[in-house]
Amino acid sequence: MTVELIVELLTDVFLTTMIILLPILGASLILGVIISLFQAATSIQEMTLTFVPKIIITALMVIIMMPFIAEKLMSLTIRFFNQFSSVLR
């Protein structure tokens, strides 16, 4: 195994992880900003007001994006197995 191959594999892993996580984290970030604006406007400083909706939206996004996540992870795994078979030769 060469250093270039390891760097390529790690790049694929990090890029796939970013692609999978960005929509989920983005939805949570947008909801957090909206709730923060609401809290600033109403002076309500309740901790559960930010925590519970973020948990719910994160869980919903994971459930909604599950087919996309599974497809990305399967394609990454197939690429790994194809590259491993060429390395072993």
PDB file of N, CA and C in Angstrom:
ATOM      1  N   MET A   1       0.842  -1.175   0.000  1.00  0.00           N
ATOM      2  CA  MET A   1       0.000   0.000   0.000  1.00  0.00           C
ATOM      3  C   MET A   1       0.886   1.236   0.000  1.00  0.00           C
ATOM      4  N   THR A   2       0.630   2.111  -0.920  1.00  0.00           N
ATOM      5  CA  THR A   2       1.433   3.323  -1.015  1.00  0.00           C
ATOM      6  C   THR A   2       0.768   4.452  -0.230  1.00  0.00           C
ATOM      7  N   VAL A   3       1.545   5.463   0.000  1.00  0.00           N
ATOM      8  CA  VAL A   3       1.037   6.627   0.727  1.00  0.00           C
ATOM      9  C   VAL A   3      -0.051   7.318  -0.085  1.00  0.00           C
ATOM     10  N   GLU A   4       0.099   7.359  -1.398  1.00  0.00           N
ATOM     11  CA  GLU A   4      -0.889   8.014  -2.254  1.00  0.00           C
ATOM     12  C   GLU A   4      -2.234   7.308  -2.161  1.00  0.00           C
ATOM     13  N   LEU A   5      -2.210   5.971  -2.118  1.00  0.00           N
ATOM     14  CA  LEU A   5      -3.451   5.214  -2.018  1.00  0.00           C
ATOM     15  C   LEU A   5      -4.136   5.458  -0.677  1.00  0.00           C
ATOM     16  N   ILE A   6      -3.365   5.511   0.388  1.00  0.00           N
ATOM     17  CA  ILE A   6      -3.922   5.774   1.714  1.00  0.00           C
ATOM     18  C   ILE A   6      -4.523   7.177   1.768  1.00  0.00           C
ATOM     19  N   VAL A   7      -3.831   8.138   1.194  1.00  0.00           N
ATOM     20  CA  VAL A   7      -4.350   9.511   1.169  1.00  0.00           C
ATOM     21  C   VAL A   7      -5.640   9.559   0.353  1.00  0.00           C
ATOM     22  N   GLU A   8      -5.689   8.860  -0.755  1.00  0.00           N
ATOM     23  CA  GLU A   8      -6.900   8.831  -1.585  1.00  0.00           C
ATOM     24  C   GLU A   8      -8.062   8.190  -0.835  1.00  0.00           C
ATOM     25  N   LEU A   9      -7.795   7.092  -0.126  1.00  0.00           N
ATOM     26  CA  LEU A   9      -8.855   6.429   0.631  1.00  0.00           C
ATOM     27  C   LEU A   9      -9.366   7.319   1.760  1.00  0.00           C
ATOM     28  N   LEU A  10      -8.458   7.942   2.481  1.00  0.00           N
ATOM     29  CA  LEU A  10      -8.879   8.831   3.570  1.00  0.00           C
ATOM     30  C   LEU A  10      -9.624  10.057   3.051  1.00  0.00           C
ATOM     31  N   THR A  11      -9.211  10.560   1.899  1.00  0.00           N
ATOM     32  CA  THR A  11      -9.923  11.680   1.285  1.00  0.00           C
ATOM     33  C   THR A  11     -11.345  11.277   0.939  1.00  0.00           C
ATOM     34  N   ASP A  12     -11.516  10.070   0.384  1.00  0.00           N
ATOM     35  CA  ASP A  12     -12.857   9.575   0.076  1.00  0.00           C
ATOM     36  C   ASP A  12     -13.706   9.449   1.336  1.00  0.00           C
ATOM     37  N   VAL A  13     -13.108   8.954   2.407  1.00  0.00           N
ATOM     38  CA  VAL A  13     -13.845   8.784   3.662  1.00  0.00           C
ATOM     39  C   VAL A  13     -14.275  10.134   4.215  1.00  0.00           C
ATOM     40  N   PHE A  14     -13.374  11.095   4.272  1.00  0.00           N
ATOM     41  CA  PHE A  14     -13.710  12.405   4.820  1.00  0.00           C
ATOM     42  C   PHE A  14     -14.722  13.143   3.955  1.00  0.00           C
ATOM     43  N   LEU A  15     -14.589  13.039   2.638  1.00  0.00           N
ATOM     44  CA  LEU A  15     -15.537  13.698   1.737  1.00  0.00           C
ATOM     45  C   LEU A  15     -16.928  13.075   1.868  1.00  0.00           C
ATOM     46  N   THR A  16     -16.988  11.755   1.938  1.00  0.00           N
ATOM     47  CA  THR A  16     -18.280  11.091   2.102  1.00  0.00           C
ATOM     48  C   THR A  16     -18.914  11.455   3.441  1.00  0.00           C
ATOM     49  N   THR A  17     -18.113  11.528   4.480  1.00  0.00           N
ATOM     50  CA  THR A  17     -18.626  11.911   5.791  1.00  0.00           C
ATOM     51  C   THR A  17     -19.183  13.324   5.761  1.00  0.00           C
ATOM     52  N   MET A  18     -18.488  14.223   5.118  1.00  0.00           N
ATOM     53  CA  MET A  18     -18.967  15.610   5.009  1.00  0.00           C
ATOM     54  C   MET A  18     -20.272  15.676   4.222  1.00  0.00           C
ATOM     55  N   ILE A  19     -20.341  14.942   3.123  1.00  0.00           N
ATOM     56  CA  ILE A  19     -21.547  14.954   2.288  1.00  0.00           C
ATOM     57  C   ILE A  19     -22.738  14.402   3.065  1.00  0.00           C
ATOM     58  N   ILE A  20     -22.505  13.380   3.878  1.00  0.00           N
ATOM     59  CA  ILE A  20     -23.592  12.779   4.652  1.00  0.00           C
ATOM     60  C   ILE A  20     -24.035  13.706   5.782  1.00  0.00           C
ATOM     61  N   LEU A  21     -23.094  14.341   6.472  1.00  0.00           N
ATOM     62  CA  LEU A  21     -23.423  15.101   7.677  1.00  0.00           C
ATOM     63  C   LEU A  21     -23.879  16.536   7.426  1.00  0.00           C
ATOM     64  N   LEU A  22     -23.472  17.138   6.318  1.00  0.00           N
ATOM     65  CA  LEU A  22     -23.805  18.547   6.105  1.00  0.00           C
ATOM     66  C   LEU A  22     -25.312  18.839   6.094  1.00  0.00           C
ATOM     67  N   PRO A  23     -26.153  18.064   5.409  1.00  0.00           N
ATOM     68  CA  PRO A  23     -27.594  18.391   5.468  1.00  0.00           C
ATOM     69  C   PRO A  23     -28.189  18.248   6.869  1.00  0.00           C
ATOM     70  N   ILE A  24     -27.738  17.246   7.603  1.00  0.00           N
ATOM     71  CA  ILE A  24     -28.263  17.031   8.954  1.00  0.00           C
ATOM     72  C   ILE A  24     -27.835  18.171   9.875  1.00  0.00           C
ATOM     73  N   LEU A  25     -26.546  18.503   9.850  1.00  0.00           N
ATOM     74  CA  LEU A  25     -26.051  19.593  10.692  1.00  0.00           C
ATOM     75  C   LEU A  25     -26.583  20.943  10.243  1.00  0.00           C
ATOM     76  N   GLY A  26     -26.783  21.105   8.935  1.00  0.00           N
ATOM     77  CA  GLY A  26     -27.334  22.355   8.417  1.00  0.00           C
ATOM     78  C   GLY A  26     -28.745  22.603   8.914  1.00  0.00           C
ATOM     79  N   ALA A  27     -29.574  21.563   8.907  1.00  0.00           N
ATOM     80  CA  ALA A  27     -30.945  21.705   9.410  1.00  0.00           C
ATOM     81  C   ALA A  27     -30.945  22.053  10.894  1.00  0.00           C
ATOM     82  N   SER A  28     -30.070  21.411  11.642  1.00  0.00           N
ATOM     83  CA  SER A  28     -29.977  21.703  13.071  1.00  0.00           C
ATOM     84  C   SER A  28     -29.482  23.134  13.307  1.00  0.00           C
ATOM     85  N   LEU A  29     -28.533  23.575  12.498  1.00  0.00           N
ATOM     86  CA  LEU A  29     -28.016  24.941  12.626  1.00  0.00           C
ATOM     87  C   LEU A  29     -29.090  25.973  12.318  1.00  0.00           C
ATOM     88  N   ILE A  30     -29.832  25.758  11.247  1.00  0.00           N
ATOM     89  CA  ILE A  30     -30.884  26.707  10.874  1.00  0.00           C
ATOM     90  C   ILE A  30     -31.952  26.772  11.957  1.00  0.00           C
ATOM     91  N   LEU A  31     -32.350  25.614  12.481  1.00  0.00           N
ATOM     92  CA  LEU A  31     -33.336  25.604  13.560  1.00  0.00           C
ATOM     93  C   LEU A  31     -32.791  26.291  14.808  1.00  0.00           C
ATOM     94  N   GLY A  32     -31.513  26.083  15.102  1.00  0.00           N
ATOM     95  CA  GLY A  32     -30.904  26.738  16.260  1.00  0.00           C
ATOM     96  C   GLY A  32     -30.897  28.251  16.135  1.00  0.00           C
ATOM     97  N   VAL A  33     -30.619  28.751  14.950  1.00  0.00           N
ATOM     98  CA  VAL A  33     -30.631  30.207  14.736  1.00  0.00           C
ATOM     99  C   VAL A  33     -32.040  30.760  14.890  1.00  0.00           C
ATOM    100  N   ILE A  34     -33.023  30.040  14.340  1.00  0.00           N
ATOM    101  CA  ILE A  34     -34.413  30.496  14.459  1.00  0.00           C
ATOM    102  C   ILE A  34     -34.839  30.526  15.928  1.00  0.00           C
ATOM    103  N   ILE A  35     -34.506  29.489  16.665  1.00  0.00           N
ATOM    104  CA  ILE A  35     -34.873  29.441  18.088  1.00  0.00           C
ATOM    105  C   ILE A  35     -34.129  30.527  18.868  1.00  0.00           C
ATOM    106  N   SER A  36     -32.879  30.772  18.542  1.00  0.00           N
ATOM    107  CA  SER A  36     -32.123  31.832  19.223  1.00  0.00           C
ATOM    108  C   SER A  36     -32.733  33.202  18.968  1.00  0.00           C
ATOM    109  N   LEU A  37     -33.165  33.446  17.731  1.00  0.00           N
ATOM    110  CA  LEU A  37     -33.835  34.714  17.430  1.00  0.00           C
ATOM    111  C   LEU A  37     -35.142  34.835  18.212  1.00  0.00           C
ATOM    112  N   PHE A  38     -35.874  33.738  18.300  1.00  0.00           N
ATOM    113  CA  PHE A  38     -37.116  33.737  19.079  1.00  0.00           C
ATOM    114  C   PHE A  38     -36.830  34.020  20.554  1.00  0.00           C
ATOM    115  N   GLN A  39     -35.801  33.379  21.086  1.00  0.00           N
ATOM    116  CA  GLN A  39     -35.451  33.604  22.488  1.00  0.00           C
ATOM    117  C   GLN A  39     -34.996  35.037  22.733  1.00  0.00           C
ATOM    118  N   ALA A  40     -34.246  35.592  21.803  1.00  0.00           N
ATOM    119  CA  ALA A  40     -33.792  36.974  21.966  1.00  0.00           C
ATOM    120  C   ALA A  40     -34.962  37.954  21.892  1.00  0.00           C
ATOM    121  N   ALA A  41     -35.921  37.639  21.030  1.00  0.00           N
ATOM    122  CA  ALA A  41     -37.058  38.545  20.873  1.00  0.00           C
ATOM    123  C   ALA A  41     -38.015  38.472  22.062  1.00  0.00           C
ATOM    124  N   THR A  42     -38.135  37.299  22.672  1.00  0.00           N
ATOM    125  CA  THR A  42     -39.111  37.138  23.755  1.00  0.00           C
ATOM    126  C   THR A  42     -38.473  37.101  25.142  1.00  0.00           C
ATOM    127  N   SER A  43     -37.164  37.107  25.242  1.00  0.00           N
ATOM    128  CA  SER A  43     -36.429  37.030  26.510  1.00  0.00           C
ATOM    129  C   SER A  43     -36.718  35.749  27.280  1.00  0.00           C
ATOM    130  N   ILE A  44     -37.075  34.684  26.575  1.00  0.00           N
ATOM    131  CA  ILE A  44     -37.261  33.373  27.197  1.00  0.00           C
ATOM    132  C   ILE A  44     -35.918  32.657  27.138  1.00  0.00           C
ATOM    133  N   GLN A  45     -35.397  32.265  28.275  1.00  0.00           N
ATOM    134  CA  GLN A  45     -34.098  31.601  28.319  1.00  0.00           C
ATOM    135  C   GLN A  45     -34.240  30.175  28.864  1.00  0.00           C
ATOM    136  N   GLU A  46     -35.128  29.418  28.295  1.00  0.00           N
ATOM    137  CA  GLU A  46     -35.357  28.042  28.713  1.00  0.00           C
ATOM    138  C   GLU A  46     -34.419  27.117  27.938  1.00  0.00           C
ATOM    139  N   MET A  47     -33.691  26.258  28.666  1.00  0.00           N
ATOM    140  CA  MET A  47     -32.708  25.376  28.031  1.00  0.00           C
ATOM    141  C   MET A  47     -33.361  24.328  27.147  1.00  0.00           C
ATOM    142  N   THR A  48     -34.485  23.790  27.567  1.00  0.00           N
ATOM    143  CA  THR A  48     -35.126  22.741  26.775  1.00  0.00           C
ATOM    144  C   THR A  48     -35.723  23.285  25.486  1.00  0.00           C
ATOM    145  N   LEU A  49     -35.937  24.583  25.417  1.00  0.00           N
ATOM    146  CA  LEU A  49     -36.479  25.174  24.200  1.00  0.00           C
ATOM    147  C   LEU A  49     -35.501  25.038  23.042  1.00  0.00           C
ATOM    148  N   THR A  50     -34.222  24.995  23.304  1.00  0.00           N
ATOM    149  CA  THR A  50     -33.252  24.803  22.224  1.00  0.00           C
ATOM    150  C   THR A  50     -32.886  23.336  22.049  1.00  0.00           C
ATOM    151  N   PHE A  51     -32.853  22.579  23.131  1.00  0.00           N
ATOM    152  CA  PHE A  51     -32.359  21.210  23.092  1.00  0.00           C
ATOM    153  C   PHE A  51     -33.336  20.246  22.424  1.00  0.00           C
ATOM    154  N   VAL A  52     -34.581  20.260  22.835  1.00  0.00           N
ATOM    155  CA  VAL A  52     -35.568  19.293  22.344  1.00  0.00           C
ATOM    156  C   VAL A  52     -35.844  19.454  20.846  1.00  0.00           C
ATOM    157  N   PRO A  53     -36.096  20.652  20.338  1.00  0.00           N
ATOM    158  CA  PRO A  53     -36.336  20.755  18.894  1.00  0.00           C
ATOM    159  C   PRO A  53     -35.125  20.339  18.040  1.00  0.00           C
ATOM    160  N   LYS A  54     -33.917  20.619  18.519  1.00  0.00           N
ATOM    161  CA  LYS A  54     -32.732  20.198  17.766  1.00  0.00           C
ATOM    162  C   LYS A  54     -32.618  18.682  17.717  1.00  0.00           C
ATOM    163  N   ILE A  55     -32.914  18.019  18.820  1.00  0.00           N
ATOM    164  CA  ILE A  55     -32.893  16.553  18.847  1.00  0.00           C
ATOM    165  C   ILE A  55     -33.933  16.004  17.873  1.00  0.00           C
ATOM    166  N   ILE A  56     -35.119  16.577  17.891  1.00  0.00           N
ATOM    167  CA  ILE A  56     -36.197  16.104  17.023  1.00  0.00           C
ATOM    168  C   ILE A  56     -35.853  16.317  15.558  1.00  0.00           C
ATOM    169  N   ILE A  57     -35.361  17.500  15.187  1.00  0.00           N
ATOM    170  CA  ILE A  57     -35.050  17.764  13.779  1.00  0.00           C
ATOM    171  C   ILE A  57     -33.868  16.915  13.320  1.00  0.00           C
ATOM    172  N   THR A  58     -32.909  16.675  14.190  1.00  0.00           N
ATOM    173  CA  THR A  58     -31.785  15.823  13.822  1.00  0.00           C
ATOM    174  C   THR A  58     -32.250  14.394  13.579  1.00  0.00           C
ATOM    175  N   ALA A  59     -33.096  13.874  14.461  1.00  0.00           N
ATOM    176  CA  ALA A  59     -33.617  12.515  14.267  1.00  0.00           C
ATOM    177  C   ALA A  59     -34.456  12.414  12.999  1.00  0.00           C
ATOM    178  N   LEU A  60     -35.284  13.415  12.742  1.00  0.00           N
ATOM    179  CA  LEU A  60     -36.091  13.414  11.514  1.00  0.00           C
ATOM    180  C   LEU A  60     -35.222  13.470  10.266  1.00  0.00           C
ATOM    181  N   MET A  61     -34.187  14.286  10.297  1.00  0.00           N
ATOM    182  CA  MET A  61     -33.294  14.385   9.128  1.00  0.00           C
ATOM    183  C   MET A  61     -32.559  13.071   8.891  1.00  0.00           C
ATOM    184  N   VAL A  62     -32.136  12.409   9.950  1.00  0.00           N
ATOM    185  CA  VAL A  62     -31.465  11.117   9.795  1.00  0.00           C
ATOM    186  C   VAL A  62     -32.427  10.105   9.181  1.00  0.00           C
ATOM    187  N   ILE A  63     -33.674  10.084   9.642  1.00  0.00           N
ATOM    188  CA  ILE A  63     -34.658   9.151   9.099  1.00  0.00           C
ATOM    189  C   ILE A  63     -34.968   9.475   7.643  1.00  0.00           C
ATOM    190  N   ILE A  64     -35.145  10.753   7.331  1.00  0.00           N
ATOM    191  CA  ILE A  64     -35.458  11.157   5.959  1.00  0.00           C
ATOM    192  C   ILE A  64     -34.299  10.858   5.020  1.00  0.00           C
ATOM    193  N   MET A  65     -33.076  11.063   5.483  1.00  0.00           N
ATOM    194  CA  MET A  65     -31.904  10.915   4.618  1.00  0.00           C
ATOM    195  C   MET A  65     -31.311   9.503   4.640  1.00  0.00           C
ATOM    196  N   MET A  66     -31.951   8.569   5.314  1.00  0.00           N
ATOM    197  CA  MET A  66     -31.411   7.225   5.434  1.00  0.00           C
ATOM    198  C   MET A  66     -31.134   6.552   4.079  1.00  0.00           C
ATOM    199  N   PRO A  67     -32.016   6.650   3.069  1.00  0.00           N
ATOM    200  CA  PRO A  67     -31.669   6.041   1.775  1.00  0.00           C
ATOM    201  C   PRO A  67     -30.431   6.678   1.135  1.00  0.00           C
ATOM    202  N   PHE A  68     -30.311   7.983   1.241  1.00  0.00           N
ATOM    203  CA  PHE A  68     -29.148   8.684   0.696  1.00  0.00           C
ATOM    204  C   PHE A  68     -27.873   8.266   1.423  1.00  0.00           C
ATOM    205  N   ILE A  69     -27.961   8.172   2.751  1.00  0.00           N
ATOM    206  CA  ILE A  69     -26.800   7.772   3.547  1.00  0.00           C
ATOM    207  C   ILE A  69     -26.391   6.348   3.207  1.00  0.00           C
ATOM    208  N   ALA A  70     -27.361   5.458   3.098  1.00  0.00           N
ATOM    209  CA  ALA A  70     -27.059   4.061   2.777  1.00  0.00           C
ATOM    210  C   ALA A  70     -26.424   3.937   1.402  1.00  0.00           C
ATOM    211  N   GLU A  71     -26.917   4.692   0.434  1.00  0.00           N
ATOM    212  CA  GLU A  71     -26.352   4.643  -0.926  1.00  0.00           C
ATOM    213  C   GLU A  71     -24.916   5.136  -0.938  1.00  0.00           C
ATOM    214  N   LYS A  72     -24.644   6.220  -0.238  1.00  0.00           N
ATOM    215  CA  LYS A  72     -23.283   6.764  -0.191  1.00  0.00           C
ATOM    216  C   LYS A  72     -22.322   5.791   0.494  1.00  0.00           C
ATOM    217  N   LEU A  73     -22.759   5.207   1.606  1.00  0.00           N
ATOM    218  CA  LEU A  73     -21.895   4.277   2.324  1.00  0.00           C
ATOM    219  C   LEU A  73     -21.659   2.996   1.529  1.00  0.00           C
ATOM    220  N   MET A  74     -22.689   2.524   0.811  1.00  0.00           N
ATOM    221  CA  MET A  74     -22.502   1.321  -0.013  1.00  0.00           C
ATOM    222  C   MET A  74     -21.539   1.585  -1.163  1.00  0.00           C
ATOM    223  N   SER A  75     -21.660   2.745  -1.799  1.00  0.00           N
ATOM    224  CA  SER A  75     -20.739   3.047  -2.904  1.00  0.00           C
ATOM    225  C   SER A  75     -19.306   3.207  -2.393  1.00  0.00           C
ATOM    226  N   LEU A  76     -19.131   3.784  -1.209  1.00  0.00           N
ATOM    227  CA  LEU A  76     -17.802   3.909  -0.619  1.00  0.00           C
ATOM    228  C   LEU A  76     -17.221   2.530  -0.303  1.00  0.00           C
ATOM    229  N   THR A  77     -18.040   1.654   0.250  1.00  0.00           N
ATOM    230  CA  THR A  77     -17.585   0.308   0.577  1.00  0.00           C
ATOM    231  C   THR A  77     -17.209  -0.470  -0.679  1.00  0.00           C
ATOM    232  N   ILE A  78     -17.994  -0.355  -1.716  1.00  0.00           N
ATOM    233  CA  ILE A  78     -17.688  -1.033  -2.981  1.00  0.00           C
ATOM    234  C   ILE A  78     -16.378  -0.511  -3.561  1.00  0.00           C
ATOM    235  N   ARG A  79     -16.176   0.801  -3.499  1.00  0.00           N
ATOM    236  CA  ARG A  79     -14.908   1.368  -3.981  1.00  0.00           C
ATOM    237  C   ARG A  79     -13.721   0.840  -3.182  1.00  0.00           C
ATOM    238  N   PHE A  80     -13.898   0.733  -1.868  1.00  0.00           N
ATOM    239  CA  PHE A  80     -12.822   0.192  -1.032  1.00  0.00           C
ATOM    240  C   PHE A  80     -12.496  -1.241  -1.402  1.00  0.00           C
ATOM    241  N   PHE A  81     -13.523  -2.079  -1.543  1.00  0.00           N
ATOM    242  CA  PHE A  81     -13.270  -3.473  -1.874  1.00  0.00           C
ATOM    243  C   PHE A  81     -12.629  -3.616  -3.246  1.00  0.00           C
ATOM    244  N   ASN A  82     -13.021  -2.778  -4.207  1.00  0.00           N
ATOM    245  CA  ASN A  82     -12.396  -2.822  -5.530  1.00  0.00           C
ATOM    246  C   ASN A  82     -10.929  -2.409  -5.465  1.00  0.00           C
ATOM    247  N   GLN A  83     -10.627  -1.403  -4.659  1.00  0.00           N
ATOM    248  CA  GLN A  83      -9.236  -0.966  -4.540  1.00  0.00           C
ATOM    249  C   GLN A  83      -8.405  -1.953  -3.740  1.00  0.00           C
ATOM    250  N   PHE A  84      -9.013  -2.597  -2.751  1.00  0.00           N
ATOM    251  CA  PHE A  84      -8.268  -3.589  -1.976  1.00  0.00           C
ATOM    252  C   PHE A  84      -7.893  -4.800  -2.820  1.00  0.00           C
ATOM    253  N   SER A  85      -8.790  -5.201  -3.726  1.00  0.00           N
ATOM    254  CA  SER A  85      -8.471  -6.346  -4.570  1.00  0.00           C
ATOM    255  C   SER A  85      -7.339  -6.013  -5.531  1.00  0.00           C
ATOM    256  N   SER A  86      -7.253  -4.761  -5.984  1.00  0.00           N
ATOM    257  CA  SER A  86      -6.145  -4.397  -6.862  1.00  0.00           C
ATOM    258  C   SER A  86      -4.838  -4.274  -6.094  1.00  0.00           C
ATOM    259  N   VAL A  87      -4.906  -3.922  -4.806  1.00  0.00           N
ATOM    260  CA  VAL A  87      -3.710  -3.791  -3.985  1.00  0.00           C
ATOM    261  C   VAL A  87      -3.138  -5.173  -3.679  1.00  0.00           C
ATOM    262  N   LEU A  88      -3.998  -6.148  -3.463  1.00  0.00           N
ATOM    263  CA  LEU A  88      -3.542  -7.488  -3.104  1.00  0.00           C
ATOM    264  C   LEU A  88      -2.869  -8.232  -4.251  1.00  0.00           C
ATOM    265  N   ARG A  89      -3.067  -7.814  -5.482  1.00  0.00           N
ATOM    266  CA  ARG A  89      -2.471  -8.489  -6.632  1.00  0.00           C
ATOM    267  C   ARG A  89      -1.009  -8.209  -6.751  1.00  0.00           C
TER     268      ARG A  89
END
